[in-house]
PDB file of N, CA and C in Angstrom:
ATOM      1  N   MET A   1      96.144 114.321 104.133  1.00  0.00           N
ATOM      2  CA  MET A   1      94.982 113.787 104.878  1.00  0.00           C
ATOM      3  C   MET A   1      94.142 113.043 103.787  1.00  0.00           C
ATOM      4  N   LEU A   2      93.758 111.812 104.132  1.00  0.00           N
ATOM      5  CA  LEU A   2      92.901 111.039 103.234  1.00  0.00           C
ATOM      6  C   LEU A   2      91.551 110.938 103.994  1.00  0.00           C
ATOM      7  N   TYR A   3      90.465 111.257 103.359  1.00  0.00           N
ATOM      8  CA  TYR A   3      89.112 111.299 103.951  1.00  0.00           C
ATOM      9  C   TYR A   3      88.202 110.496 103.146  1.00  0.00           C
ATOM     10  N   ALA A   4      87.420 109.530 103.725  1.00  0.00           N
ATOM     11  CA  ALA A   4      86.469 108.759 102.985  1.00  0.00           C
ATOM     12  C   ALA A   4      85.157 108.688 103.830  1.00  0.00           C
ATOM     13  N   LYS A   5      84.068 109.156 103.229  1.00  0.00           N
ATOM     14  CA  LYS A   5      82.798 109.131 103.954  1.00  0.00           C
ATOM     15  C   LYS A   5      82.198 107.774 104.045  1.00  0.00           C
ATOM     16  N   GLY A   6      82.626 106.826 103.159  1.00  0.00           N
ATOM     17  CA  GLY A   6      82.105 105.475 103.222  1.00  0.00           C
ATOM     18  C   GLY A   6      83.185 104.494 102.710  1.00  0.00           C
ATOM     19  N   ALA A   7      82.800 103.322 102.413  1.00  0.00           N
ATOM     20  CA  ALA A   7      83.746 102.313 101.924  1.00  0.00           C
ATOM     21  C   ALA A   7      84.323 102.783 100.542  1.00  0.00           C
ATOM     22  N   GLY A   8      85.578 102.486 100.309  1.00  0.00           N
ATOM     23  CA  GLY A   8      86.263 102.859  99.180  1.00  0.00           C
ATOM     24  C   GLY A   8      87.602 102.138  99.014  1.00  0.00           C
ATOM     25  N   LEU A   9      88.208 102.380  97.868  1.00  0.00           N
ATOM     26  CA  LEU A   9      89.451 101.708  97.554  1.00  0.00           C
ATOM     27  C   LEU A   9      90.425 102.653  96.841  1.00  0.00           C
ATOM     28  N   VAL A  10      91.675 102.563  97.156  1.00  0.00           N
ATOM     29  CA  VAL A  10      92.751 103.192  96.382  1.00  0.00           C
ATOM     30  C   VAL A  10      93.559 102.078  95.697  1.00  0.00           C
ATOM     31  N   ASN A  11      93.567 102.101  94.360  1.00  0.00           N
ATOM     32  CA  ASN A  11      94.159 101.016  93.605  1.00  0.00           C
ATOM     33  C   ASN A  11      95.575 100.691  93.981  1.00  0.00           C
ATOM     34  N   ARG A  12      95.956  99.474  93.698  1.00  0.00           N
ATOM     35  CA  ARG A  12      97.274  98.980  94.063  1.00  0.00           C
ATOM     36  C   ARG A  12      98.427  99.910  93.650  1.00  0.00           C
ATOM     37  N   HIS A  13      99.301 100.236  94.563  1.00  0.00           N
ATOM     38  CA  HIS A  13     100.425 101.078  94.246  1.00  0.00           C
ATOM     39  C   HIS A  13     101.575 100.820  95.301  1.00  0.00           C
ATOM     40  N   TYR A  14     102.624 101.555  95.115  1.00  0.00           N
ATOM     41  CA  TYR A  14     103.726 101.565  96.144  1.00  0.00           C
ATOM     42  C   TYR A  14     104.317 102.934  96.212  1.00  0.00           C
ATOM     43  N   HIS A  15     105.116 103.169  97.220  1.00  0.00           N
ATOM     44  CA  HIS A  15     105.866 104.406  97.404  1.00  0.00           C
ATOM     45  C   HIS A  15     107.316 104.070  97.499  1.00  0.00           C
ATOM     46  N   PRO A  16     108.215 104.778  96.732  1.00  0.00           N
ATOM     47  CA  PRO A  16     109.663 104.440  96.744  1.00  0.00           C
ATOM     48  C   PRO A  16     110.273 104.877  98.068  1.00  0.00           C
ATOM     49  N   HIS A  17     109.530 105.631  98.893  1.00  0.00           N
ATOM     50  CA  HIS A  17     110.088 106.067 100.192  1.00  0.00           C
ATOM     51  C   HIS A  17     109.130 105.617 101.284  1.00  0.00           C
ATOM     52  N   GLN A  18     109.598 105.549 102.536  1.00  0.00           N
ATOM     53  CA  GLN A  18     108.741 105.162 103.686  1.00  0.00           C
ATOM     54  C   GLN A  18     107.568 106.128 103.816  1.00  0.00           C
ATOM     55  N   VAL A  19     106.515 105.606 104.355  1.00  0.00           N
ATOM     56  CA  VAL A  19     105.294 106.420 104.630  1.00  0.00           C
ATOM     57  C   VAL A  19     104.874 106.111 106.039  1.00  0.00           C
ATOM     58  N   PHE A  20     104.436 107.184 106.748  1.00  0.00           N
ATOM     59  CA  PHE A  20     103.885 107.004 108.060  1.00  0.00           C
ATOM     60  C   PHE A  20     102.422 107.537 108.024  1.00  0.00           C
ATOM     61  N   ALA A  21     101.597 106.820 108.755  1.00  0.00           N
ATOM     62  CA  ALA A  21     100.186 107.113 108.753  1.00  0.00           C
ATOM     63  C   ALA A  21      99.654 107.188 110.175  1.00  0.00           C
ATOM     64  N   TYR A  22      98.762 108.134 110.525  1.00  0.00           N
ATOM     65  CA  TYR A  22      98.099 108.193 111.731  1.00  0.00           C
ATOM     66  C   TYR A  22      96.615 108.240 111.576  1.00  0.00           C
ATOM     67  N   THR A  23      95.881 107.278 112.141  1.00  0.00           N
ATOM     68  CA  THR A  23      94.392 107.187 111.975  1.00  0.00           C
ATOM     69  C   THR A  23      93.697 108.124 112.950  1.00  0.00           C
ATOM     70  N   ILE A  24      92.909 109.005 112.413  1.00  0.00           N
ATOM     71  CA  ILE A  24      92.155 109.960 113.240  1.00  0.00           C
ATOM     72  C   ILE A  24      90.803 109.390 113.559  1.00  0.00           C
ATOM     73  N   SER A  25      90.142 108.757 112.597  1.00  0.00           N
ATOM     74  CA  SER A  25      88.872 108.122 112.708  1.00  0.00           C
ATOM     75  C   SER A  25      88.589 107.088 111.679  1.00  0.00           C
ATOM     76  N   GLY A  26      87.572 106.312 111.810  1.00  0.00           N
ATOM     77  CA  GLY A  26      87.205 105.332 110.797  1.00  0.00           C
ATOM     78  C   GLY A  26      87.993 104.084 110.917  1.00  0.00           C
ATOM     79  N   LYS A  27      87.978 103.349 109.797  1.00  0.00           N
ATOM     80  CA  LYS A  27      88.504 101.996 109.784  1.00  0.00           C
ATOM     81  C   LYS A  27      89.079 101.764 108.361  1.00  0.00           C
ATOM     82  N   TRP A  28      90.398 101.349 108.286  1.00  0.00           N
ATOM     83  CA  TRP A  28      90.988 101.117 106.991  1.00  0.00           C
ATOM     84  C   TRP A  28      92.089 100.118 107.113  1.00  0.00           C
ATOM     85  N   GLY A  29      92.578  99.644 105.966  1.00  0.00           N
ATOM     86  CA  GLY A  29      93.716  98.726 105.888  1.00  0.00           C
ATOM     87  C   GLY A  29      94.201  98.479 104.457  1.00  0.00           C
ATOM     88  N   TYR A  30      94.984  97.492 104.314  1.00  0.00           N
ATOM     89  CA  TYR A  30      95.456  97.072 102.995  1.00  0.00           C
ATOM     90  C   TYR A  30      95.038  95.668 102.702  1.00  0.00           C
ATOM     91  N   LEU A  31      94.500  95.441 101.500  1.00  0.00           N
ATOM     92  CA  LEU A  31      94.005  94.106 101.129  1.00  0.00           C
ATOM     93  C   LEU A  31      95.127  93.092 101.282  1.00  0.00           C
ATOM     94  N   GLU A  32      96.362  93.464 101.157  1.00  0.00           N
ATOM     95  CA  GLU A  32      97.484  92.488 101.211  1.00  0.00           C
ATOM     96  C   GLU A  32      97.856  92.143 102.669  1.00  0.00           C
ATOM     97  N   HIS A  33      97.265  92.720 103.643  1.00  0.00           N
ATOM     98  CA  HIS A  33      97.613  92.489 105.085  1.00  0.00           C
ATOM     99  C   HIS A  33      96.354  92.163 105.864  1.00  0.00           C
ATOM    100  N   ASP A  34      96.501  91.493 106.991  1.00  0.00           N
ATOM    101  CA  ASP A  34      95.313  91.147 107.798  1.00  0.00           C
ATOM    102  C   ASP A  34      95.051  92.088 108.943  1.00  0.00           C
ATOM    103  N   TRP A  35      95.811  93.126 109.090  1.00  0.00           N
ATOM    104  CA  TRP A  35      95.540  94.163 110.108  1.00  0.00           C
ATOM    105  C   TRP A  35      94.478  95.148 109.706  1.00  0.00           C
ATOM    106  N   VAL A  36      93.859  95.808 110.601  1.00  0.00           N
ATOM    107  CA  VAL A  36      92.886  96.892 110.312  1.00  0.00           C
ATOM    108  C   VAL A  36      93.268  98.061 111.272  1.00  0.00           C
ATOM    109  N   ALA A  37      93.339  99.306 110.752  1.00  0.00           N
ATOM    110  CA  ALA A  37      93.645 100.477 111.573  1.00  0.00           C
ATOM    111  C   ALA A  37      92.384 101.177 111.952  1.00  0.00           C
ATOM    112  N   THR A  38      92.327 101.640 113.178  1.00  0.00           N
ATOM    113  CA  THR A  38      91.191 102.464 113.686  1.00  0.00           C
ATOM    114  C   THR A  38      91.775 103.626 114.423  1.00  0.00           C
ATOM    115  N   ALA A  39      90.946 104.516 114.918  1.00  0.00           N
ATOM    116  CA  ALA A  39      91.408 105.770 115.565  1.00  0.00           C
ATOM    117  C   ALA A  39      92.558 105.491 116.634  1.00  0.00           C
ATOM    118  N   GLY A  40      93.616 106.304 116.463  1.00  0.00           N
ATOM    119  CA  GLY A  40      94.711 106.199 117.369  1.00  0.00           C
ATOM    120  C   GLY A  40      95.808 105.320 116.837  1.00  0.00           C
ATOM    121  N   ASP A  41      95.609 104.573 115.756  1.00  0.00           N
ATOM    122  CA  ASP A  41      96.621 103.620 115.235  1.00  0.00           C
ATOM    123  C   ASP A  41      97.641 104.373 114.346  1.00  0.00           C
ATOM    124  N   TRP A  42      98.939 104.037 114.544  1.00  0.00           N
ATOM    125  CA  TRP A  42     100.000 104.468 113.623  1.00  0.00           C
ATOM    126  C   TRP A  42     100.338 103.267 112.743  1.00  0.00           C
ATOM    127  N   VAL A  43     100.573 103.605 111.451  1.00  0.00           N
ATOM    128  CA  VAL A  43     101.013 102.590 110.474  1.00  0.00           C
ATOM    129  C   VAL A  43     102.287 103.031 109.799  1.00  0.00           C
ATOM    130  N   TYR A  44     103.209 102.071 109.608  1.00  0.00           N
ATOM    131  CA  TYR A  44     104.456 102.347 108.868  1.00  0.00           C
ATOM    132  C   TYR A  44     104.448 101.515 107.601  1.00  0.00           C
ATOM    133  N   GLU A  45     104.692 102.172 106.515  1.00  0.00           N
ATOM    134  CA  GLU A  45     104.812 101.463 105.234  1.00  0.00           C
ATOM    135  C   GLU A  45     106.260 101.486 104.809  1.00  0.00           C
ATOM    136  N   PRO A  46     106.867 100.315 104.653  1.00  0.00           N
ATOM    137  CA  PRO A  46     108.290 100.346 104.174  1.00  0.00           C
ATOM    138  C   PRO A  46     108.381 100.729 102.719  1.00  0.00           C
ATOM    139  N   PRO A  47     109.483 101.346 102.294  1.00  0.00           N
ATOM    140  CA  PRO A  47     109.633 101.680 100.906  1.00  0.00           C
ATOM    141  C   PRO A  47     109.454 100.500  99.969  1.00  0.00           C
ATOM    142  N   GLY A  48     108.726 100.713  98.840  1.00  0.00           N
ATOM    143  CA  GLY A  48     108.615  99.678  97.831  1.00  0.00           C
ATOM    144  C   GLY A  48     107.572  98.598  98.050  1.00  0.00           C
ATOM    145  N   GLU A  49     106.861  98.586  99.122  1.00  0.00           N
ATOM    146  CA  GLU A  49     105.894  97.525  99.360  1.00  0.00           C
ATOM    147  C   GLU A  49     104.582  97.930  98.716  1.00  0.00           C
ATOM    148  N   SER A  50     104.095  97.072  97.803  1.00  0.00           N
ATOM    149  CA  SER A  50     102.866  97.411  97.133  1.00  0.00           C
ATOM    150  C   SER A  50     101.651  97.038  98.037  1.00  0.00           C
ATOM    151  N   HIS A  51     100.621  97.845  97.840  1.00  0.00           N
ATOM    152  CA  HIS A  51      99.414  97.693  98.686  1.00  0.00           C
ATOM    153  C   HIS A  51      98.191  98.332  98.020  1.00  0.00           C
ATOM    154  N   THR A  52      97.026  97.859  98.429  1.00  0.00           N
ATOM    155  CA  THR A  52      95.720  98.390  97.953  1.00  0.00           C
ATOM    156  C   THR A  52      95.006  98.850  99.183  1.00  0.00           C
ATOM    157  N   LEU A  53      94.881 100.135  99.329  1.00  0.00           N
ATOM    158  CA  LEU A  53      94.177 100.749 100.459  1.00  0.00           C
ATOM    159  C   LEU A  53      92.691 100.609 100.396  1.00  0.00           C
ATOM    160  N   VAL A  54      92.087 100.202 101.507  1.00  0.00           N
ATOM    161  CA  VAL A  54      90.597 100.035 101.518  1.00  0.00           C
ATOM    162  C   VAL A  54      90.096 100.758 102.749  1.00  0.00           C
ATOM    163  N   ALA A  55      89.089 101.583 102.479  1.00  0.00           N
ATOM    164  CA  ALA A  55      88.360 102.250 103.639  1.00  0.00           C
ATOM    165  C   ALA A  55      87.142 101.380 103.900  1.00  0.00           C
ATOM    166  N   TYR A  56      86.970 100.884 105.085  1.00  0.00           N
ATOM    167  CA  TYR A  56      85.868 100.028 105.456  1.00  0.00           C
ATOM    168  C   TYR A  56      84.631 100.834 105.964  1.00  0.00           C
ATOM    169  N   GLU A  57      83.492 100.233 105.764  1.00  0.00           N
ATOM    170  CA  GLU A  57      82.311 100.893 106.370  1.00  0.00           C
ATOM    171  C   GLU A  57      82.512 101.045 107.909  1.00  0.00           C
ATOM    172  N   HIS A  58      82.058 102.163 108.400  1.00  0.00           N
ATOM    173  CA  HIS A  58      82.278 102.496 109.846  1.00  0.00           C
ATOM    174  C   HIS A  58      81.311 103.605 110.212  1.00  0.00           C
ATOM    175  N   GLU A  59      81.006 103.751 111.511  1.00  0.00           N
ATOM    176  CA  GLU A  59      80.096 104.772 111.917  1.00  0.00           C
ATOM    177  C   GLU A  59      80.686 106.177 111.771  1.00  0.00           C
ATOM    178  N   GLU A  60      82.060 106.271 111.705  1.00  0.00           N
ATOM    179  CA  GLU A  60      82.732 107.526 111.450  1.00  0.00           C
ATOM    180  C   GLU A  60      83.452 107.455 110.158  1.00  0.00           C
ATOM    181  N   PRO A  61      83.631 108.640 109.488  1.00  0.00           N
ATOM    182  CA  PRO A  61      84.397 108.623 108.188  1.00  0.00           C
ATOM    183  C   PRO A  61      85.818 108.268 108.515  1.00  0.00           C
ATOM    184  N   MET A  62      86.460 107.675 107.475  1.00  0.00           N
ATOM    185  CA  MET A  62      87.910 107.402 107.592  1.00  0.00           C
ATOM    186  C   MET A  62      88.677 108.699 107.403  1.00  0.00           C
ATOM    187  N   LYS A  63      89.452 109.065 108.413  1.00  0.00           N
ATOM    188  CA  LYS A  63      90.361 110.187 108.359  1.00  0.00           C
ATOM    189  C   LYS A  63      91.720 109.782 108.763  1.00  0.00           C
ATOM    190  N   VAL A  64      92.634 109.850 107.832  1.00  0.00           N
ATOM    191  CA  VAL A  64      94.031 109.410 108.116  1.00  0.00           C
ATOM    192  C   VAL A  64      95.005 110.496 107.591  1.00  0.00           C
ATOM    193  N   THR A  65      96.013 110.853 108.381  1.00  0.00           N
ATOM    194  CA  THR A  65      96.982 111.746 107.949  1.00  0.00           C
ATOM    195  C   THR A  65      98.211 110.909 107.499  1.00  0.00           C
ATOM    196  N   PHE A  66      98.668 111.099 106.297  1.00  0.00           N
ATOM    197  CA  PHE A  66      99.861 110.326 105.749  1.00  0.00           C
ATOM    198  C   PHE A  66     101.036 111.274 105.637  1.00  0.00           C
ATOM    199  N   ASN A  67     102.170 110.867 106.078  1.00  0.00           N
ATOM    200  CA  ASN A  67     103.416 111.593 105.790  1.00  0.00           C
ATOM    201  C   ASN A  67     104.107 110.904 104.654  1.00  0.00           C
ATOM    202  N   VAL A  68     103.975 111.480 103.453  1.00  0.00           N
ATOM    203  CA  VAL A  68     104.520 110.838 102.212  1.00  0.00           C
ATOM    204  C   VAL A  68     105.552 111.715 101.597  1.00  0.00           C
ATOM    205  N   THR A  69     106.727 111.208 101.289  1.00  0.00           N
ATOM    206  CA  THR A  69     107.707 111.925 100.570  1.00  0.00           C
ATOM    207  C   THR A  69     107.945 111.178  99.250  1.00  0.00           C
ATOM    208  N   GLY A  70     107.799 111.872  98.172  1.00  0.00           N
ATOM    209  CA  GLY A  70     107.995 111.173  96.860  1.00  0.00           C
ATOM    210  C   GLY A  70     106.696 110.790  96.255  1.00  0.00           C
ATOM    211  N   PRO A  71     106.733 110.133  95.130  1.00  0.00           N
ATOM    212  CA  PRO A  71     105.489 109.797  94.360  1.00  0.00           C
ATOM    213  C   PRO A  71     104.823 108.537  94.846  1.00  0.00           C
ATOM    214  N   LEU A  72     103.628 108.411  94.430  1.00  0.00           N
ATOM    215  CA  LEU A  72     102.884 107.148  94.581  1.00  0.00           C
ATOM    216  C   LEU A  72     103.013 106.561  93.103  1.00  0.00           C
ATOM    217  N   VAL A  73     103.375 105.306  93.081  1.00  0.00           N
ATOM    218  CA  VAL A  73     103.583 104.637  91.743  1.00  0.00           C
ATOM    219  C   VAL A  73     102.414 103.586  91.602  1.00  0.00           C
ATOM    220  N   TRP A  74     101.541 103.862  90.587  1.00  0.00           N
ATOM    221  CA  TRP A  74     100.451 102.988  90.341  1.00  0.00           C
ATOM    222  C   TRP A  74     100.915 101.676  89.669  1.00  0.00           C
ATOM    223  N   LEU A  75     100.299 100.572  90.042  1.00  0.00           N
ATOM    224  CA  LEU A  75     100.661  99.260  89.446  1.00  0.00           C
ATOM    225  C   LEU A  75      99.545  98.693  88.681  1.00  0.00           C
ATOM    226  N   ASP A  76      99.873  97.988  87.623  1.00  0.00           N
ATOM    227  CA  ASP A  76      98.826  97.317  86.788  1.00  0.00           C
ATOM    228  C   ASP A  76      98.561  95.928  87.457  1.00  0.00           C
ATOM    229  N   GLU A  77      97.744  95.177  86.774  1.00  0.00           N
ATOM    230  CA  GLU A  77      97.289  93.898  87.314  1.00  0.00           C
ATOM    231  C   GLU A  77      98.464  92.858  87.431  1.00  0.00           C
ATOM    232  N   ASN A  78      99.584  93.147  86.714  1.00  0.00           N
ATOM    233  CA  ASN A  78     100.761  92.289  86.828  1.00  0.00           C
ATOM    234  C   ASN A  78     101.760  92.817  87.793  1.00  0.00           C
ATOM    235  N   GLY A  79     101.444  93.879  88.506  1.00  0.00           N
ATOM    236  CA  GLY A  79     102.434  94.461  89.385  1.00  0.00           C
ATOM    237  C   GLY A  79     103.418  95.347  88.767  1.00  0.00           C
ATOM    238  N   GLU A  80     103.249  95.758  87.508  1.00  0.00           N
ATOM    239  CA  GLU A  80     104.185  96.587  86.828  1.00  0.00           C
ATOM    240  C   GLU A  80     103.777  98.024  86.921  1.00  0.00           C
ATOM    241  N   PRO A  81     104.730  98.961  87.057  1.00  0.00           N
ATOM    242  CA  PRO A  81     104.363 100.409  87.085  1.00  0.00           C
ATOM    243  C   PRO A  81     103.558 100.853  85.858  1.00  0.00           C
ATOM    244  N   GLU A  82     102.567 101.678  86.090  1.00  0.00           N
ATOM    245  CA  GLU A  82     101.810 102.201  84.968  1.00  0.00           C
ATOM    246  C   GLU A  82     101.523 103.712  85.069  1.00  0.00           C
ATOM    247  N   GLY A  83     102.172 104.357  86.030  1.00  0.00           N
ATOM    248  CA  GLY A  83     101.967 105.829  86.199  1.00  0.00           C
ATOM    249  C   GLY A  83     102.328 106.252  87.620  1.00  0.00           C
ATOM    250  N   THR A  84     102.385 107.515  87.768  1.00  0.00           N
ATOM    251  CA  THR A  84     102.781 108.088  89.101  1.00  0.00           C
ATOM    252  C   THR A  84     101.739 109.211  89.483  1.00  0.00           C
ATOM    253  N   PHE A  85     101.745 109.566  90.732  1.00  0.00           N
ATOM    254  CA  PHE A  85     100.991 110.627  91.278  1.00  0.00           C
ATOM    255  C   PHE A  85     101.775 111.232  92.369  1.00  0.00           C
ATOM    256  N   ASP A  86     101.954 112.596  92.392  1.00  0.00           N
ATOM    257  CA  ASP A  86     102.831 113.189  93.362  1.00  0.00           C
ATOM    258  C   ASP A  86     102.250 114.546  93.768  1.00  0.00           C
ATOM    259  N   VAL A  87     103.014 115.280  94.567  1.00  0.00           N
ATOM    260  CA  VAL A  87     102.572 116.549  95.112  1.00  0.00           C
ATOM    261  C   VAL A  87     102.206 117.539  94.005  1.00  0.00           C
ATOM    262  N   PHE A  88     102.873 117.453  92.858  1.00  0.00           N
ATOM    263  CA  PHE A  88     102.546 118.418  91.800  1.00  0.00           C
ATOM    264  C   PHE A  88     101.186 118.099  91.174  1.00  0.00           C
ATOM    265  N   ASP A  89     100.808 116.832  91.159  1.00  0.00           N
ATOM    266  CA  ASP A  89      99.408 116.449  90.733  1.00  0.00           C
ATOM    267  C   ASP A  89      98.366 117.011  91.719  1.00  0.00           C
ATOM    268  N   TYR A  90      98.684 116.910  92.985  1.00  0.00           N
ATOM    269  CA  TYR A  90      97.778 117.461  94.018  1.00  0.00           C
ATOM    270  C   TYR A  90      97.567 118.956  93.874  1.00  0.00           C
ATOM    271  N   ILE A  91      98.752 119.664  93.692  1.00  0.00           N
ATOM    272  CA  ILE A  91      98.703 121.077  93.460  1.00  0.00           C
ATOM    273  C   ILE A  91      97.848 121.418  92.298  1.00  0.00           C
ATOM    274  N   GLN A  92      98.011 120.741  91.158  1.00  0.00           N
ATOM    275  CA  GLN A  92      97.231 121.026  90.013  1.00  0.00           C
ATOM    276  C   GLN A  92      95.737 120.823  90.236  1.00  0.00           C
ATOM    277  N   ILE A  93      95.378 119.742  90.921  1.00  0.00           N
ATOM    278  CA  ILE A  93      93.955 119.498  91.221  1.00  0.00           C
ATOM    279  C   ILE A  93      93.382 120.618  92.048  1.00  0.00           C
ATOM    280  N   CYS A  94      94.197 121.022  93.096  1.00  0.00           N
ATOM    281  CA  CYS A  94      93.770 122.065  93.973  1.00  0.00           C
ATOM    282  C   CYS A  94      93.559 123.390  93.155  1.00  0.00           C
ATOM    283  N   LYS A  95      94.495 123.721  92.306  1.00  0.00           N
ATOM    284  CA  LYS A  95      94.384 124.950  91.477  1.00  0.00           C
ATOM    285  C   LYS A  95      93.098 124.899  90.626  1.00  0.00           C
ATOM    286  N   GLU A  96      92.793 123.777  90.010  1.00  0.00           N
ATOM    287  CA  GLU A  96      91.626 123.633  89.225  1.00  0.00           C
ATOM    288  C   GLU A  96      90.318 123.798  90.030  1.00  0.00           C
ATOM    289  N   HIS A  97      90.360 123.205  91.216  1.00  0.00           N
ATOM    290  CA  HIS A  97      89.196 123.318  92.127  1.00  0.00           C
ATOM    291  C   HIS A  97      89.030 124.807  92.571  1.00  0.00           C
ATOM    292  N   TYR A  98      90.099 125.462  92.998  1.00  0.00           N
ATOM    293  CA  TYR A  98      89.967 126.801  93.434  1.00  0.00           C
ATOM    294  C   TYR A  98      89.484 127.716  92.314  1.00  0.00           C
ATOM    295  N   GLU A  99      89.977 127.521  91.131  1.00  0.00           N
ATOM    296  CA  GLU A  99      89.517 128.285  89.995  1.00  0.00           C
ATOM    297  C   GLU A  99      88.049 128.101  89.759  1.00  0.00           C
ATOM    298  N   LYS A 100      87.631 126.885  89.776  1.00  0.00           N
ATOM    299  CA  LYS A 100      86.231 126.498  89.516  1.00  0.00           C
ATOM    300  C   LYS A 100      85.237 127.150  90.626  1.00  0.00           C
ATOM    301  N   VAL A 101      85.683 127.199  91.788  1.00  0.00           N
ATOM    302  CA  VAL A 101      84.789 127.738  92.840  1.00  0.00           C
ATOM    303  C   VAL A 101      84.905 129.192  93.088  1.00  0.00           C
ATOM    304  N   GLY A 102      85.769 129.853  92.252  1.00  0.00           N
ATOM    305  CA  GLY A 102      85.852 131.338  92.263  1.00  0.00           C
ATOM    306  C   GLY A 102      86.920 131.910  93.217  1.00  0.00           C
ATOM    307  N   ILE A 103      87.714 131.096  93.825  1.00  0.00           N
ATOM    308  CA  ILE A 103      88.812 131.567  94.697  1.00  0.00           C
ATOM    309  C   ILE A 103      90.038 132.008  93.792  1.00  0.00           C
ATOM    310  N   GLY A 104      90.253 131.279  92.757  1.00  0.00           N
ATOM    311  CA  GLY A 104      91.344 131.586  91.837  1.00  0.00           C
ATOM    312  C   GLY A 104      92.571 130.652  92.096  1.00  0.00           C
ATOM    313  N   ALA A 105      93.099 130.188  90.937  1.00  0.00           N
ATOM    314  CA  ALA A 105      94.174 129.220  91.033  1.00  0.00           C
ATOM    315  C   ALA A 105      95.449 129.809  91.696  1.00  0.00           C
ATOM    316  N   ASP A 106      95.635 131.137  91.543  1.00  0.00           N
ATOM    317  CA  ASP A 106      96.814 131.755  92.049  1.00  0.00           C
ATOM    318  C   ASP A 106      96.831 131.815  93.601  1.00  0.00           C
ATOM    319  N   TYR A 107      95.647 131.603  94.202  1.00  0.00           N
ATOM    320  CA  TYR A 107      95.609 131.508  95.658  1.00  0.00           C
ATOM    321  C   TYR A 107      96.435 130.376  96.190  1.00  0.00           C
ATOM    322  N   VAL A 108      96.534 129.283  95.513  1.00  0.00           N
ATOM    323  CA  VAL A 108      97.297 128.097  95.915  1.00  0.00           C
ATOM    324  C   VAL A 108      98.821 128.526  96.005  1.00  0.00           C
ATOM    325  N   GLU A 109      99.314 129.252  95.034  1.00  0.00           N
ATOM    326  CA  GLU A 109     100.701 129.708  95.059  1.00  0.00           C
ATOM    327  C   GLU A 109     100.997 130.533  96.335  1.00  0.00           C
ATOM    328  N   ARG A 110     100.050 131.317  96.776  1.00  0.00           N
ATOM    329  CA  ARG A 110     100.296 132.187  97.973  1.00  0.00           C
ATOM    330  C   ARG A 110     100.294 131.312  99.220  1.00  0.00           C
ATOM    331  N   LEU A 111      99.662 130.155  99.128  1.00  0.00           N
ATOM    332  CA  LEU A 111      99.686 129.239 100.332  1.00  0.00           C
ATOM    333  C   LEU A 111     100.974 128.468 100.477  1.00  0.00           C
ATOM    334  N   ILE A 112     101.640 128.146  99.395  1.00  0.00           N
ATOM    335  CA  ILE A 112     102.750 127.246  99.453  1.00  0.00           C
ATOM    336  C   ILE A 112     104.101 127.829  99.012  1.00  0.00           C
ATOM    337  N   ARG A 113     104.148 128.928  98.506  1.00  0.00           N
ATOM    338  CA  ARG A 113     105.417 129.483  97.969  1.00  0.00           C
ATOM    339  C   ARG A 113     105.664 130.822  98.496  1.00  0.00           C
TER     340      ARG A 113
END
């Protein structure tokens, strides 16, 4: 689930596998395309297509559920890969947050394993 309270941007990247998205609320799109998704819209991303996700100003926050398998590959200004982000990165961020707020990092393990 991607949630944005206001306008925002996810830097240019691609996914080596297909991605499916369903828009729950708000307004978003890709700078590289002329379509805009709003509540109820499904979006299909073919494998390997680079894009820059933008959340637009809207009376409702942008809430989109993405079905992603595999990593997100960050691209530099020349379109060359410069890093990745995957489920293991999300798990680590979640553990750090749970530890910080007093729930404990081990709680994450009980949720997923």
